PDB file of all heavy atoms in Angstrom:
ATOM      1  N   VAL A   1     -25.940  29.414 159.268  1.00  0.00           N
ATOM      2  CA  VAL A   1     -27.361  29.701 159.129  1.00  0.00           C
ATOM      3  C   VAL A   1     -27.786  30.669 160.224  1.00  0.00           C
ATOM      4  O   VAL A   1     -27.308  30.590 161.363  1.00  0.00           O
ATOM      5  CB  VAL A   1     -28.215  28.417 159.194  1.00  0.00           C
ATOM      6  CG1 VAL A   1     -27.928  27.524 158.007  1.00  0.00           C
ATOM      7  CG2 VAL A   1     -28.001  27.649 160.494  1.00  0.00           C
ATOM      8  N   GLU A   2     -28.666  31.607 159.858  1.00  0.00           N
ATOM      9  CA  GLU A   2     -29.152  32.606 160.811  1.00  0.00           C
ATOM     10  C   GLU A   2     -30.592  32.944 160.474  1.00  0.00           C
ATOM     11  O   GLU A   2     -31.041  32.743 159.353  1.00  0.00           O
ATOM     12  CB  GLU A   2     -28.271  33.860 160.775  1.00  0.00           C
ATOM     13  CG  GLU A   2     -28.139  34.535 159.421  1.00  0.00           C
ATOM     14  CD  GLU A   2     -29.136  35.669 159.205  1.00  0.00           C
ATOM     15  OE1 GLU A   2     -29.890  35.983 160.146  1.00  0.00           O
ATOM     16  OE2 GLU A   2     -29.139  36.234 158.100  1.00  0.00           O
ATOM     17  N   GLY A   3     -31.316  33.470 161.478  1.00  0.00           N
ATOM     18  CA  GLY A   3     -32.729  33.739 161.284  1.00  0.00           C
ATOM     19  C   GLY A   3     -33.170  35.106 161.753  1.00  0.00           C
ATOM     20  O   GLY A   3     -34.310  35.277 162.195  1.00  0.00           O
ATOM     21  N   PHE A   4     -32.273  36.105 161.653  1.00  0.00           N
ATOM     22  CA  PHE A   4     -32.622  37.463 162.052  1.00  0.00           C
ATOM     23  C   PHE A   4     -33.345  38.201 160.923  1.00  0.00           C
ATOM     24  O   PHE A   4     -33.344  37.771 159.774  1.00  0.00           O
ATOM     25  CB  PHE A   4     -31.370  38.246 162.431  1.00  0.00           C
ATOM     26  CG  PHE A   4     -30.663  37.735 163.661  1.00  0.00           C
ATOM     27  CD1 PHE A   4     -29.286  37.582 163.671  1.00  0.00           C
ATOM     28  CD2 PHE A   4     -31.372  37.417 164.806  1.00  0.00           C
ATOM     29  CE1 PHE A   4     -28.621  37.124 164.798  1.00  0.00           C
ATOM     30  CE2 PHE A   4     -30.714  36.950 165.944  1.00  0.00           C
ATOM     31  CZ  PHE A   4     -29.336  36.807 165.934  1.00  0.00           C
ATOM     32  N   ARG A   5     -33.919  39.354 161.256  1.00  0.00           N
ATOM     33  CA  ARG A   5     -34.462  40.216 160.215  1.00  0.00           C
ATOM     34  C   ARG A   5     -33.323  40.687 159.310  1.00  0.00           C
ATOM     35  O   ARG A   5     -32.159  40.771 159.737  1.00  0.00           O
ATOM     36  CB  ARG A   5     -35.137  41.448 160.833  1.00  0.00           C
ATOM     37  CG  ARG A   5     -36.412  41.158 161.580  1.00  0.00           C
ATOM     38  CD  ARG A   5     -37.209  42.440 161.792  1.00  0.00           C
ATOM     39  NE  ARG A   5     -38.058  42.350 162.969  1.00  0.00           N
ATOM     40  CZ  ARG A   5     -38.979  43.254 163.292  1.00  0.00           C
ATOM     41  NH1 ARG A   5     -39.145  44.323 162.527  1.00  0.00           N
ATOM     42  NH2 ARG A   5     -39.718  43.113 164.380  1.00  0.00           N
ATOM     43  N   PRO A   6     -33.629  41.019 158.065  1.00  0.00           N
ATOM     44  CA  PRO A   6     -32.577  41.490 157.156  1.00  0.00           C
ATOM     45  C   PRO A   6     -31.811  42.672 157.753  1.00  0.00           C
ATOM     46  O   PRO A   6     -32.401  43.601 158.307  1.00  0.00           O
ATOM     47  CB  PRO A   6     -33.360  41.918 155.907  1.00  0.00           C
ATOM     48  CG  PRO A   6     -34.580  41.062 155.927  1.00  0.00           C
ATOM     49  CD  PRO A   6     -34.933  40.912 157.374  1.00  0.00           C
ATOM     50  N   GLY A   7     -30.490  42.596 157.672  1.00  0.00           N
ATOM     51  CA  GLY A   7     -29.635  43.685 158.129  1.00  0.00           C
ATOM     52  C   GLY A   7     -29.078  43.513 159.524  1.00  0.00           C
ATOM     53  O   GLY A   7     -28.092  44.178 159.879  1.00  0.00           O
ATOM     54  N   ILE A   8     -29.665  42.640 160.344  1.00  0.00           N
ATOM     55  CA  ILE A   8     -29.197  42.491 161.722  1.00  0.00           C
ATOM     56  C   ILE A   8     -27.795  41.882 161.757  1.00  0.00           C
ATOM     57  O   ILE A   8     -26.924  42.347 162.509  1.00  0.00           O
ATOM     58  CB  ILE A   8     -30.174  41.633 162.547  1.00  0.00           C
ATOM     59  CG1 ILE A   8     -31.535  42.317 162.645  1.00  0.00           C
ATOM     60  CG2 ILE A   8     -29.599  41.362 163.929  1.00  0.00           C
ATOM     61  CD1 ILE A   8     -31.500  43.663 163.322  1.00  0.00           C
ATOM     62  N   MET A   9     -27.561  40.859 160.964  1.00  0.00           N
ATOM     63  CA  MET A   9     -26.226  40.258 160.946  1.00  0.00           C
ATOM     64  C   MET A   9     -25.180  41.268 160.471  1.00  0.00           C
ATOM     65  O   MET A   9     -24.049  41.286 160.971  1.00  0.00           O
ATOM     66  CB  MET A   9     -26.216  39.019 160.059  1.00  0.00           C
ATOM     67  CG  MET A   9     -26.940  37.820 160.641  1.00  0.00           C
ATOM     68  SD  MET A   9     -26.097  37.059 162.045  1.00  0.00           S
ATOM     69  CE  MET A   9     -24.816  36.114 161.204  1.00  0.00           C
ATOM     70  N   GLU A  10     -25.549  42.113 159.532  1.00  0.00           N
ATOM     71  CA  GLU A  10     -24.615  43.150 159.067  1.00  0.00           C
ATOM     72  C   GLU A  10     -24.292  44.122 160.194  1.00  0.00           C
ATOM     73  O   GLU A  10     -23.131  44.530 160.375  1.00  0.00           O
ATOM     74  CB  GLU A  10     -25.229  43.905 157.877  1.00  0.00           C
ATOM     75  CG  GLU A  10     -25.229  43.120 156.572  1.00  0.00           C
ATOM     76  CD  GLU A  10     -26.377  42.137 156.429  1.00  0.00           C
ATOM     77  OE1 GLU A  10     -27.124  41.936 157.425  1.00  0.00           O
ATOM     78  OE2 GLU A  10     -26.548  41.571 155.341  1.00  0.00           O
ATOM     79  N   LYS A  11     -25.308  44.498 160.987  1.00  0.00           N
ATOM     80  CA  LYS A  11     -25.075  45.418 162.099  1.00  0.00           C
ATOM     81  C   LYS A  11     -24.180  44.795 163.165  1.00  0.00           C
ATOM     82  O   LYS A  11     -23.401  45.501 163.822  1.00  0.00           O
ATOM     83  CB  LYS A  11     -26.409  45.826 162.716  1.00  0.00           C
ATOM     84  CG  LYS A  11     -27.244  46.745 161.835  1.00  0.00           C
ATOM     85  CD  LYS A  11     -28.553  47.123 162.523  1.00  0.00           C
ATOM     86  CE  LYS A  11     -29.392  48.025 161.629  1.00  0.00           C
ATOM     87  NZ  LYS A  11     -30.689  48.381 162.277  1.00  0.00           N
ATOM     88  N   LEU A  12     -24.280  43.490 163.310  1.00  0.00           N
ATOM     89  CA  LEU A  12     -23.437  42.804 164.293  1.00  0.00           C
ATOM     90  C   LEU A  12     -21.998  42.668 163.821  1.00  0.00           C
ATOM     91  O   LEU A  12     -21.103  42.389 164.623  1.00  0.00           O
ATOM     92  CB  LEU A  12     -23.994  41.399 164.567  1.00  0.00           C
ATOM     93  CG  LEU A  12     -25.307  41.312 165.344  1.00  0.00           C
ATOM     94  CD1 LEU A  12     -25.830  39.883 165.349  1.00  0.00           C
ATOM     95  CD2 LEU A  12     -25.125  41.815 166.779  1.00  0.00           C
ATOM     96  N   GLY A  13     -21.776  42.863 162.521  1.00  0.00           N
ATOM     97  CA  GLY A  13     -20.444  42.628 161.960  1.00  0.00           C
ATOM     98  C   GLY A  13     -20.264  41.209 161.489  1.00  0.00           C
ATOM     99  O   GLY A  13     -19.127  40.734 161.342  1.00  0.00           O
ATOM    100  N   LEU A  14     -21.397  40.512 161.228  1.00  0.00           N
ATOM    101  CA  LEU A  14     -21.348  39.119 160.794  1.00  0.00           C
ATOM    102  C   LEU A  14     -22.123  38.906 159.491  1.00  0.00           C
ATOM    103  O   LEU A  14     -22.605  37.810 159.221  1.00  0.00           O
ATOM    104  CB  LEU A  14     -21.933  38.203 161.881  1.00  0.00           C
ATOM    105  CG  LEU A  14     -21.112  38.051 163.160  1.00  0.00           C
ATOM    106  CD1 LEU A  14     -21.919  37.303 164.220  1.00  0.00           C
ATOM    107  CD2 LEU A  14     -19.805  37.331 162.878  1.00  0.00           C
ATOM    108  N   GLY A  15     -22.234  39.959 158.698  1.00  0.00           N
ATOM    109  CA  GLY A  15     -22.958  39.849 157.441  1.00  0.00           C
ATOM    110  C   GLY A  15     -22.224  38.987 156.431  1.00  0.00           C
ATOM    111  O   GLY A  15     -21.060  38.602 156.612  1.00  0.00           O
ATOM    112  N   PRO A  16     -22.891  38.674 155.311  1.00  0.00           N
ATOM    113  CA  PRO A  16     -22.284  37.804 154.299  1.00  0.00           C
ATOM    114  C   PRO A  16     -20.942  38.305 153.772  1.00  0.00           C
ATOM    115  O   PRO A  16     -20.030  37.499 153.566  1.00  0.00           O
ATOM    116  CB  PRO A  16     -23.344  37.766 153.193  1.00  0.00           C
ATOM    117  CG  PRO A  16     -24.625  38.074 153.880  1.00  0.00           C
ATOM    118  CD  PRO A  16     -24.277  39.026 154.977  1.00  0.00           C
ATOM    119  N   GLU A  17     -20.821  39.602 153.532  1.00  0.00           N
ATOM    120  CA  GLU A  17     -19.556  40.120 152.984  1.00  0.00           C
ATOM    121  C   GLU A  17     -18.400  39.860 153.935  1.00  0.00           C
ATOM    122  O   GLU A  17     -17.313  39.433 153.518  1.00  0.00           O
ATOM    123  CB  GLU A  17     -19.678  41.615 152.686  1.00  0.00           C
ATOM    124  CG  GLU A  17     -20.590  41.929 151.499  1.00  0.00           C
ATOM    125  CD  GLU A  17     -20.542  43.393 151.124  1.00  0.00           C
ATOM    126  OE1 GLU A  17     -19.721  44.128 151.733  1.00  0.00           O
ATOM    127  OE2 GLU A  17     -21.314  43.801 150.243  1.00  0.00           O
ATOM    128  N   VAL A  18     -18.637  40.107 155.223  1.00  0.00           N
ATOM    129  CA  VAL A  18     -17.577  39.904 156.211  1.00  0.00           C
ATOM    130  C   VAL A  18     -17.231  38.419 156.324  1.00  0.00           C
ATOM    131  O   VAL A  18     -16.051  38.030 156.315  1.00  0.00           O
ATOM    132  CB  VAL A  18     -18.012  40.457 157.586  1.00  0.00           C
ATOM    133  CG1 VAL A  18     -16.983  40.104 158.652  1.00  0.00           C
ATOM    134  CG2 VAL A  18     -18.210  41.959 157.516  1.00  0.00           C
ATOM    135  N   CYS A  19     -18.261  37.583 156.417  1.00  0.00           N
ATOM    136  CA  CYS A  19     -18.021  36.148 156.597  1.00  0.00           C
ATOM    137  C   CYS A  19     -17.380  35.520 155.363  1.00  0.00           C
ATOM    138  O   CYS A  19     -16.470  34.688 155.477  1.00  0.00           O
ATOM    139  CB  CYS A  19     -19.330  35.446 156.939  1.00  0.00           C
ATOM    140  SG  CYS A  19     -19.958  35.812 158.602  1.00  0.00           S
ATOM    141  N   LEU A  20     -17.837  35.908 154.167  1.00  0.00           N
ATOM    142  CA  LEU A  20     -17.255  35.348 152.947  1.00  0.00           C
ATOM    143  C   LEU A  20     -15.836  35.843 152.727  1.00  0.00           C
ATOM    144  O   LEU A  20     -15.024  35.167 152.095  1.00  0.00           O
ATOM    145  CB  LEU A  20     -18.145  35.675 151.754  1.00  0.00           C
ATOM    146  CG  LEU A  20     -19.420  34.828 151.662  1.00  0.00           C
ATOM    147  CD1 LEU A  20     -20.415  35.443 150.696  1.00  0.00           C
ATOM    148  CD2 LEU A  20     -19.089  33.411 151.239  1.00  0.00           C
ATOM    149  N   ALA A  21     -15.513  37.025 153.265  1.00  0.00           N
ATOM    150  CA  ALA A  21     -14.124  37.497 153.183  1.00  0.00           C
ATOM    151  C   ALA A  21     -13.211  36.613 154.028  1.00  0.00           C
ATOM    152  O   ALA A  21     -12.052  36.380 153.664  1.00  0.00           O
ATOM    153  CB  ALA A  21     -14.036  38.958 153.642  1.00  0.00           C
ATOM    154  N   ARG A  22     -13.742  36.126 155.137  1.00  0.00           N
ATOM    155  CA  ARG A  22     -12.947  35.236 155.992  1.00  0.00           C
ATOM    156  C   ARG A  22     -12.937  33.805 155.456  1.00  0.00           C
ATOM    157  O   ARG A  22     -12.002  33.047 155.726  1.00  0.00           O
ATOM    158  CB  ARG A  22     -13.525  35.248 157.421  1.00  0.00           C
ATOM    159  CG  ARG A  22     -13.493  36.600 158.108  1.00  0.00           C
ATOM    160  CD  ARG A  22     -12.094  37.011 158.538  1.00  0.00           C
ATOM    161  NE  ARG A  22     -11.659  36.331 159.734  1.00  0.00           N
ATOM    162  CZ  ARG A  22     -11.693  36.865 160.958  1.00  0.00           C
ATOM    163  NH1 ARG A  22     -12.142  38.107 161.136  1.00  0.00           N
ATOM    164  NH2 ARG A  22     -11.253  36.187 161.989  1.00  0.00           N
ATOM    165  N   ASN A  23     -13.980  33.426 154.718  1.00  0.00           N
ATOM    166  CA  ASN A  23     -14.091  32.060 154.205  1.00  0.00           C
ATOM    167  C   ASN A  23     -14.854  32.097 152.879  1.00  0.00           C
ATOM    168  O   ASN A  23     -16.086  32.014 152.862  1.00  0.00           O
ATOM    169  CB  ASN A  23     -14.812  31.166 155.218  1.00  0.00           C
ATOM    170  CG  ASN A  23     -14.916  29.720 154.755  1.00  0.00           C
ATOM    171  OD1 ASN A  23     -14.566  29.386 153.632  1.00  0.00           O
ATOM    172  ND2 ASN A  23     -15.424  28.861 155.627  1.00  0.00           N
ATOM    173  N   PRO A  24     -14.166  32.228 151.743  1.00  0.00           N
ATOM    174  CA  PRO A  24     -14.842  32.380 150.442  1.00  0.00           C
ATOM    175  C   PRO A  24     -15.713  31.202 150.040  1.00  0.00           C
ATOM    176  O   PRO A  24     -16.577  31.355 149.169  1.00  0.00           O
ATOM    177  CB  PRO A  24     -13.663  32.550 149.465  1.00  0.00           C
ATOM    178  CG  PRO A  24     -12.526  33.031 150.305  1.00  0.00           C
ATOM    179  CD  PRO A  24     -12.697  32.356 151.628  1.00  0.00           C
ATOM    180  N   ARG A  25     -15.526  30.048 150.644  1.00  0.00           N
ATOM    181  CA  ARG A  25     -16.334  28.872 150.299  1.00  0.00           C
ATOM    182  C   ARG A  25     -17.587  28.749 151.163  1.00  0.00           C
ATOM    183  O   ARG A  25     -18.367  27.814 151.002  1.00  0.00           O
ATOM    184  CB  ARG A  25     -15.502  27.588 150.453  1.00  0.00           C
ATOM    185  CG  ARG A  25     -14.321  27.463 149.508  1.00  0.00           C
ATOM    186  CD  ARG A  25     -13.532  26.183 149.799  1.00  0.00           C
ATOM    187  NE  ARG A  25     -14.372  24.995 149.637  1.00  0.00           N
ATOM    188  CZ  ARG A  25     -14.452  24.282 148.517  1.00  0.00           C
ATOM    189  NH1 ARG A  25     -13.736  24.646 147.460  1.00  0.00           N
ATOM    190  NH2 ARG A  25     -15.228  23.218 148.447  1.00  0.00           N
ATOM    191  N   LEU A  26     -17.803  29.694 152.052  1.00  0.00           N
ATOM    192  CA  LEU A  26     -18.895  29.591 153.015  1.00  0.00           C
ATOM    193  C   LEU A  26     -20.260  29.724 152.346  1.00  0.00           C
ATOM    194  O   LEU A  26     -20.484  30.604 151.521  1.00  0.00           O
ATOM    195  CB  LEU A  26     -18.754  30.684 154.083  1.00  0.00           C
ATOM    196  CG  LEU A  26     -19.773  30.621 155.221  1.00  0.00           C
ATOM    197  CD1 LEU A  26     -19.417  29.513 156.200  1.00  0.00           C
ATOM    198  CD2 LEU A  26     -19.848  31.967 155.953  1.00  0.00           C
ATOM    199  N   VAL A  27     -21.172  28.851 152.725  1.00  0.00           N
ATOM    200  CA  VAL A  27     -22.580  28.982 152.357  1.00  0.00           C
ATOM    201  C   VAL A  27     -23.278  29.721 153.495  1.00  0.00           C
ATOM    202  O   VAL A  27     -23.226  29.280 154.651  1.00  0.00           O
ATOM    203  CB  VAL A  27     -23.226  27.604 152.125  1.00  0.00           C
ATOM    204  CG1 VAL A  27     -24.730  27.735 151.975  1.00  0.00           C
ATOM    205  CG2 VAL A  27     -22.617  26.937 150.902  1.00  0.00           C
ATOM    206  N   PHE A  28     -23.911  30.838 153.170  1.00  0.00           N
ATOM    207  CA  PHE A  28     -24.520  31.706 154.178  1.00  0.00           C
ATOM    208  C   PHE A  28     -26.038  31.586 154.060  1.00  0.00           C
ATOM    209  O   PHE A  28     -26.660  32.192 153.195  1.00  0.00           O
ATOM    210  CB  PHE A  28     -24.066  33.153 153.952  1.00  0.00           C
ATOM    211  CG  PHE A  28     -24.279  34.077 155.123  1.00  0.00           C
ATOM    212  CD1 PHE A  28     -23.210  34.451 155.919  1.00  0.00           C
ATOM    213  CD2 PHE A  28     -25.534  34.584 155.407  1.00  0.00           C
ATOM    214  CE1 PHE A  28     -23.396  35.320 156.992  1.00  0.00           C
ATOM    215  CE2 PHE A  28     -25.736  35.440 156.471  1.00  0.00           C
ATOM    216  CZ  PHE A  28     -24.664  35.810 157.268  1.00  0.00           C
ATOM    217  N   GLY A  29     -26.651  30.776 154.930  1.00  0.00           N
ATOM    218  CA  GLY A  29     -28.086  30.536 154.870  1.00  0.00           C
ATOM    219  C   GLY A  29     -28.863  31.521 155.722  1.00  0.00           C
ATOM    220  O   GLY A  29     -28.609  31.656 156.915  1.00  0.00           O
ATOM    221  N   ARG A  30     -29.841  32.197 155.099  1.00  0.00           N
ATOM    222  CA  ARG A  30     -30.630  33.204 155.790  1.00  0.00           C
ATOM    223  C   ARG A  30     -32.090  32.773 155.834  1.00  0.00           C
ATOM    224  O   ARG A  30     -32.695  32.477 154.810  1.00  0.00           O
ATOM    225  CB  ARG A  30     -30.497  34.556 155.094  1.00  0.00           C
ATOM    226  CG  ARG A  30     -29.071  34.917 154.699  1.00  0.00           C
ATOM    227  CD  ARG A  30     -28.881  36.387 154.436  1.00  0.00           C
ATOM    228  NE  ARG A  30     -28.749  37.127 155.692  1.00  0.00           N
ATOM    229  CZ  ARG A  30     -28.334  38.402 155.756  1.00  0.00           C
ATOM    230  NH1 ARG A  30     -28.025  39.067 154.655  1.00  0.00           N
ATOM    231  NH2 ARG A  30     -28.236  39.010 156.918  1.00  0.00           N
ATOM    232  N   MET A  31     -32.679  32.750 157.037  1.00  0.00           N
ATOM    233  CA  MET A  31     -34.060  32.327 157.237  1.00  0.00           C
ATOM    234  C   MET A  31     -34.880  33.510 157.725  1.00  0.00           C
ATOM    235  O   MET A  31     -34.657  34.037 158.808  1.00  0.00           O
ATOM    236  CB  MET A  31     -34.100  31.204 158.278  1.00  0.00           C
ATOM    237  CG  MET A  31     -35.483  30.635 158.573  1.00  0.00           C
ATOM    238  SD  MET A  31     -36.055  29.503 157.301  1.00  0.00           S
ATOM    239  CE  MET A  31     -37.086  30.569 156.295  1.00  0.00           C
ATOM    240  N   THR A  32     -35.836  33.954 156.899  1.00  0.00           N
ATOM    241  CA  THR A  32     -36.726  35.039 157.289  1.00  0.00           C
ATOM    242  C   THR A  32     -38.150  34.678 156.908  1.00  0.00           C
ATOM    243  O   THR A  32     -38.406  33.692 156.220  1.00  0.00           O
ATOM    244  CB  THR A  32     -36.348  36.359 156.598  1.00  0.00           C
ATOM    245  OG1 THR A  32     -36.470  36.190 155.180  1.00  0.00           O
ATOM    246  CG2 THR A  32     -34.942  36.801 156.949  1.00  0.00           C
ATOM    247  N   GLY A  33     -39.089  35.516 157.338  1.00  0.00           N
ATOM    248  CA  GLY A  33     -40.470  35.311 156.960  1.00  0.00           C
ATOM    249  C   GLY A  33     -40.787  35.860 155.589  1.00  0.00           C
ATOM    250  O   GLY A  33     -41.409  35.206 154.759  1.00  0.00           O
ATOM    251  N   TRP A  34     -40.316  37.103 155.330  1.00  0.00           N
ATOM    252  CA  TRP A  34     -40.690  37.809 154.109  1.00  0.00           C
ATOM    253  C   TRP A  34     -39.589  37.854 153.061  1.00  0.00           C
ATOM    254  O   TRP A  34     -39.825  38.322 151.944  1.00  0.00           O
ATOM    255  CB  TRP A  34     -41.101  39.244 154.446  1.00  0.00           C
ATOM    256  CG  TRP A  34     -42.151  39.372 155.500  1.00  0.00           C
ATOM    257  CD1 TRP A  34     -41.993  39.882 156.758  1.00  0.00           C
ATOM    258  CD2 TRP A  34     -43.538  38.999 155.407  1.00  0.00           C
ATOM    259  NE1 TRP A  34     -43.175  39.860 157.449  1.00  0.00           N
ATOM    260  CE2 TRP A  34     -44.152  39.325 156.640  1.00  0.00           C
ATOM    261  CE3 TRP A  34     -44.324  38.420 154.402  1.00  0.00           C
ATOM    262  CZ2 TRP A  34     -45.497  39.092 156.895  1.00  0.00           C
ATOM    263  CZ3 TRP A  34     -45.668  38.194 154.654  1.00  0.00           C
ATOM    264  CH2 TRP A  34     -46.245  38.528 155.883  1.00  0.00           C
ATOM    265  N   GLY A  35     -38.379  37.414 153.379  1.00  0.00           N
ATOM    266  CA  GLY A  35     -37.283  37.492 152.426  1.00  0.00           C
ATOM    267  C   GLY A  35     -36.364  38.668 152.726  1.00  0.00           C
ATOM    268  O   GLY A  35     -36.633  39.491 153.596  1.00  0.00           O
ATOM    269  N   GLN A  36     -35.279  38.744 151.973  1.00  0.00           N
ATOM    270  CA  GLN A  36     -34.254  39.762 152.218  1.00  0.00           C
ATOM    271  C   GLN A  36     -34.598  41.126 151.625  1.00  0.00           C
ATOM    272  O   GLN A  36     -33.968  42.118 151.966  1.00  0.00           O
ATOM    273  CB  GLN A  36     -32.908  39.282 151.665  1.00  0.00           C
ATOM    274  CG  GLN A  36     -32.344  38.078 152.392  1.00  0.00           C
ATOM    275  CD  GLN A  36     -32.062  38.353 153.850  1.00  0.00           C
ATOM    276  OE1 GLN A  36     -31.435  39.345 154.193  1.00  0.00           O
ATOM    277  NE2 GLN A  36     -32.531  37.471 154.734  1.00  0.00           N
ATOM    278  N   GLU A  37     -35.580  41.186 150.730  1.00  0.00           N
ATOM    279  CA  GLU A  37     -35.979  42.475 150.181  1.00  0.00           C
ATOM    280  C   GLU A  37     -37.477  42.468 149.945  1.00  0.00           C
ATOM    281  O   GLU A  37     -38.144  41.453 150.127  1.00  0.00           O
ATOM    282  CB  GLU A  37     -35.235  42.796 148.875  1.00  0.00           C
ATOM    283  CG  GLU A  37     -35.630  41.939 147.680  1.00  0.00           C
ATOM    284  CD  GLU A  37     -35.014  40.559 147.714  1.00  0.00           C
ATOM    285  OE1 GLU A  37     -33.830  40.434 148.064  1.00  0.00           O
ATOM    286  OE2 GLU A  37     -35.743  39.594 147.378  1.00  0.00           O
ATOM    287  N   GLY A  38     -38.011  43.608 149.534  1.00  0.00           N
ATOM    288  CA  GLY A  38     -39.445  43.756 149.344  1.00  0.00           C
ATOM    289  C   GLY A  38     -40.038  44.639 150.415  1.00  0.00           C
ATOM    290  O   GLY A  38     -39.433  44.855 151.474  1.00  0.00           O
TER     291      GLY A  38
END
């Protein structure tokens, strides 16, 4: 679970694609105010 603005985890190298590649069963919980798009 993480609570950064959209895109920050990707910039760190810890985005969903990278993490799910290391662990395909991983649930990636994202907490934001406005959502991941819009």
